[in-house]
Structures are given as structure tokens and as C-alpha cells.
Amino acid sequence: MQTFLSNLSDLWEVVLAALVFGAGLPAIFAYGVRCRAAVDSGASGTTRQLNQALSALCFAVVMIAAVVGVVFIARGFLADRLGIHLLGA
């Protein structure tokens, strides 16, 4: 019973990661595309500037997450071969 409860308590971490990386990043990217489309369709004034800023922010978040993911996967290689210790390697 203790093993079951331990596994159940760790399940929320897996569910949270799946929601963030499995659905969250594509949703952020889609929102960025939507904001960029509003800029390209002829928005003007404050609306245009706000949509440009939001689209840039969304794309930056997705790019940072992608780079951190690649570095996380390659952290062992970077530590062994190059002596660069990142993300707890």
C-alpha cells in the first residue's frame, strides 16, 4: 500500500510536466501566431504594438524552453566531453 501511495504522490509531477510541455508550449506558440496574424492583418496603434509584444514574448518563451530542453538532454555529453556543467550535470 505504501508503494501505491508513493507512486500516486509522484504522479502529479508527471501530469504537470505533460500539461506544460505536451499542451502548454504548443498553446503558447499558437497564441503567438494568432497575435502575429493580427499584426499582419492591419492592426494599428496600441493594438498593433501590444500584439507585436505578445507575439515576441510567446515566441521567446517557446524558444527558451526548446534550448533548455536540448541542453538538459545533452548535459551529460557537455559535462564529460567539454567540461561544461549545466543543469545539475
C-alpha atoms as a PDB file:
ATOM      1  CA  MET A   1       0.000   0.000   0.000  1.00  0.00           C
ATOM      2  CA  GLN A   2       2.902   2.327   0.758  1.00  0.00           C
ATOM      3  CA  THR A   3       4.292   1.840  -2.762  1.00  0.00           C
ATOM      4  CA  PHE A   4       0.931   2.692  -4.287  1.00  0.00           C
ATOM      5  CA  LEU A   5       0.647   5.902  -2.262  1.00  0.00           C
ATOM      6  CA  SER A   6       4.221   6.850  -3.118  1.00  0.00           C
ATOM      7  CA  ASN A   7       3.560   6.320  -6.820  1.00  0.00           C
ATOM      8  CA  LEU A   8       0.316   8.253  -6.575  1.00  0.00           C
ATOM      9  CA  SER A   9       2.023  11.188  -4.886  1.00  0.00           C
ATOM     10  CA  ASP A  10       4.641  11.324  -7.684  1.00  0.00           C
ATOM     11  CA  LEU A  11       2.007  11.136 -10.386  1.00  0.00           C
ATOM     12  CA  TRP A  12       1.142  14.839 -10.103  1.00  0.00           C
ATOM     13  CA  GLU A  13       4.674  15.761 -11.203  1.00  0.00           C
ATOM     14  CA  VAL A  14       4.335  13.675 -14.341  1.00  0.00           C
ATOM     15  CA  VAL A  15       0.893  15.103 -15.096  1.00  0.00           C
ATOM     16  CA  LEU A  16       2.141  18.662 -14.599  1.00  0.00           C
ATOM     17  CA  ALA A  17       5.118  18.116 -16.914  1.00  0.00           C
ATOM     18  CA  ALA A  18       2.861  16.555 -19.547  1.00  0.00           C
ATOM     19  CA  LEU A  19       0.479  19.506 -19.407  1.00  0.00           C
ATOM     20  CA  VAL A  20       3.242  22.100 -19.595  1.00  0.00           C
ATOM     21  CA  PHE A  21       5.349  20.516 -22.316  1.00  0.00           C
ATOM     22  CA  GLY A  22       2.717  18.467 -24.093  1.00  0.00           C
ATOM     23  CA  ALA A  23      -0.035  21.052 -24.324  1.00  0.00           C
ATOM     24  CA  GLY A  24       1.275  24.266 -22.800  1.00  0.00           C
ATOM     25  CA  LEU A  25       4.102  25.113 -25.188  1.00  0.00           C
ATOM     26  CA  PRO A  26       2.089  24.429 -28.354  1.00  0.00           C
ATOM     27  CA  ALA A  27      -0.723  26.567 -26.931  1.00  0.00           C
ATOM     28  CA  ILE A  28       1.703  29.426 -26.225  1.00  0.00           C
ATOM     29  CA  PHE A  29       3.107  29.111 -29.743  1.00  0.00           C
ATOM     30  CA  ALA A  30      -0.410  29.130 -31.233  1.00  0.00           C
ATOM     31  CA  TYR A  31      -1.267  32.266 -29.275  1.00  0.00           C
ATOM     32  CA  GLY A  32       1.891  33.906 -30.595  1.00  0.00           C
ATOM     33  CA  VAL A  33       0.891  33.039 -34.156  1.00  0.00           C
ATOM     34  CA  ARG A  34      -2.571  34.460 -33.523  1.00  0.00           C
ATOM     35  CA  CYS A  35      -1.130  37.732 -32.211  1.00  0.00           C
ATOM     36  CA  ARG A  36       1.238  37.937 -35.165  1.00  0.00           C
ATOM     37  CA  ALA A  37      -1.657  37.361 -37.572  1.00  0.00           C
ATOM     38  CA  ALA A  38      -3.489  40.296 -36.003  1.00  0.00           C
ATOM     39  CA  VAL A  39      -0.448  42.478 -36.668  1.00  0.00           C
ATOM     40  CA  ASP A  40      -0.197  41.303 -40.276  1.00  0.00           C
ATOM     41  CA  SER A  41      -3.899  41.818 -40.937  1.00  0.00           C
ATOM     42  CA  GLY A  42      -3.662  45.557 -40.479  1.00  0.00           C
ATOM     43  CA  ALA A  43      -3.996  46.383 -36.795  1.00  0.00           C
ATOM     44  CA  SER A  44      -2.866  49.871 -35.939  1.00  0.00           C
ATOM     45  CA  GLY A  45      -1.876  51.952 -32.951  1.00  0.00           C
ATOM     46  CA  THR A  46      -1.735  50.456 -29.485  1.00  0.00           C
ATOM     47  CA  THR A  47      -3.325  47.179 -30.610  1.00  0.00           C
ATOM     48  CA  ARG A  48      -0.533  46.596 -33.110  1.00  0.00           C
ATOM     49  CA  GLN A  49       2.188  47.297 -30.557  1.00  0.00           C
ATOM     50  CA  LEU A  50       0.551  45.089 -27.943  1.00  0.00           C
ATOM     51  CA  ASN A  51       0.157  42.208 -30.390  1.00  0.00           C
ATOM     52  CA  GLN A  52       3.766  42.562 -31.529  1.00  0.00           C
ATOM     53  CA  ALA A  53       4.990  42.461 -27.935  1.00  0.00           C
ATOM     54  CA  LEU A  54       2.806  39.490 -27.040  1.00  0.00           C
ATOM     55  CA  SER A  55       3.854  37.510 -30.104  1.00  0.00           C
ATOM     56  CA  ALA A  56       7.538  38.210 -29.416  1.00  0.00           C
ATOM     57  CA  LEU A  57       7.099  37.151 -25.786  1.00  0.00           C
ATOM     58  CA  CYS A  58       5.310  33.923 -26.763  1.00  0.00           C
ATOM     59  CA  PHE A  59       7.963  33.007 -29.318  1.00  0.00           C
ATOM     60  CA  ALA A  60      10.751  33.809 -26.845  1.00  0.00           C
ATOM     61  CA  VAL A  61       9.217  31.546 -24.187  1.00  0.00           C
ATOM     62  CA  VAL A  62       8.935  28.666 -26.660  1.00  0.00           C
ATOM     63  CA  MET A  63      12.494  29.163 -27.933  1.00  0.00           C
ATOM     64  CA  ILE A  64      13.931  29.301 -24.404  1.00  0.00           C
ATOM     65  CA  ALA A  65      12.063  26.129 -23.467  1.00  0.00           C
ATOM     66  CA  ALA A  66      13.405  24.368 -26.567  1.00  0.00           C
ATOM     67  CA  VAL A  67      17.002  25.413 -25.865  1.00  0.00           C
ATOM     68  CA  VAL A  68      16.753  24.393 -22.205  1.00  0.00           C
ATOM     69  CA  GLY A  69      15.316  21.036 -23.278  1.00  0.00           C
ATOM     70  CA  VAL A  70      18.180  20.379 -25.674  1.00  0.00           C
ATOM     71  CA  VAL A  71      20.759  21.405 -23.067  1.00  0.00           C
ATOM     72  CA  PHE A  72      19.033  19.178 -20.494  1.00  0.00           C
ATOM     73  CA  ILE A  73      19.249  16.202 -22.832  1.00  0.00           C
ATOM     74  CA  ALA A  74      22.881  16.916 -23.731  1.00  0.00           C
ATOM     75  CA  ARG A  75      24.065  17.827 -20.232  1.00  0.00           C
ATOM     76  CA  GLY A  76      25.923  14.540 -19.727  1.00  0.00           C
ATOM     77  CA  PHE A  77      27.790  14.928 -23.010  1.00  0.00           C
ATOM     78  CA  LEU A  78      28.621  18.547 -22.254  1.00  0.00           C
ATOM     79  CA  ALA A  79      29.938  17.617 -18.809  1.00  0.00           C
ATOM     80  CA  ASP A  80      32.005  14.615 -19.963  1.00  0.00           C
ATOM     81  CA  ARG A  81      33.457  15.899 -23.199  1.00  0.00           C
ATOM     82  CA  LEU A  82      33.650  19.653 -22.768  1.00  0.00           C
ATOM     83  CA  GLY A  83      33.724  20.125 -19.010  1.00  0.00           C
ATOM     84  CA  ILE A  84      30.645  22.356 -19.063  1.00  0.00           C
ATOM     85  CA  HIS A  85      28.401  21.532 -16.113  1.00  0.00           C
ATOM     86  CA  LEU A  86      24.855  22.770 -16.679  1.00  0.00           C
ATOM     87  CA  LEU A  87      21.530  21.873 -15.085  1.00  0.00           C
ATOM     88  CA  GLY A  88      22.978  19.629 -12.402  1.00  0.00           C
ATOM     89  CA  ALA A  89      25.311  17.529 -14.536  1.00  0.00           C
END
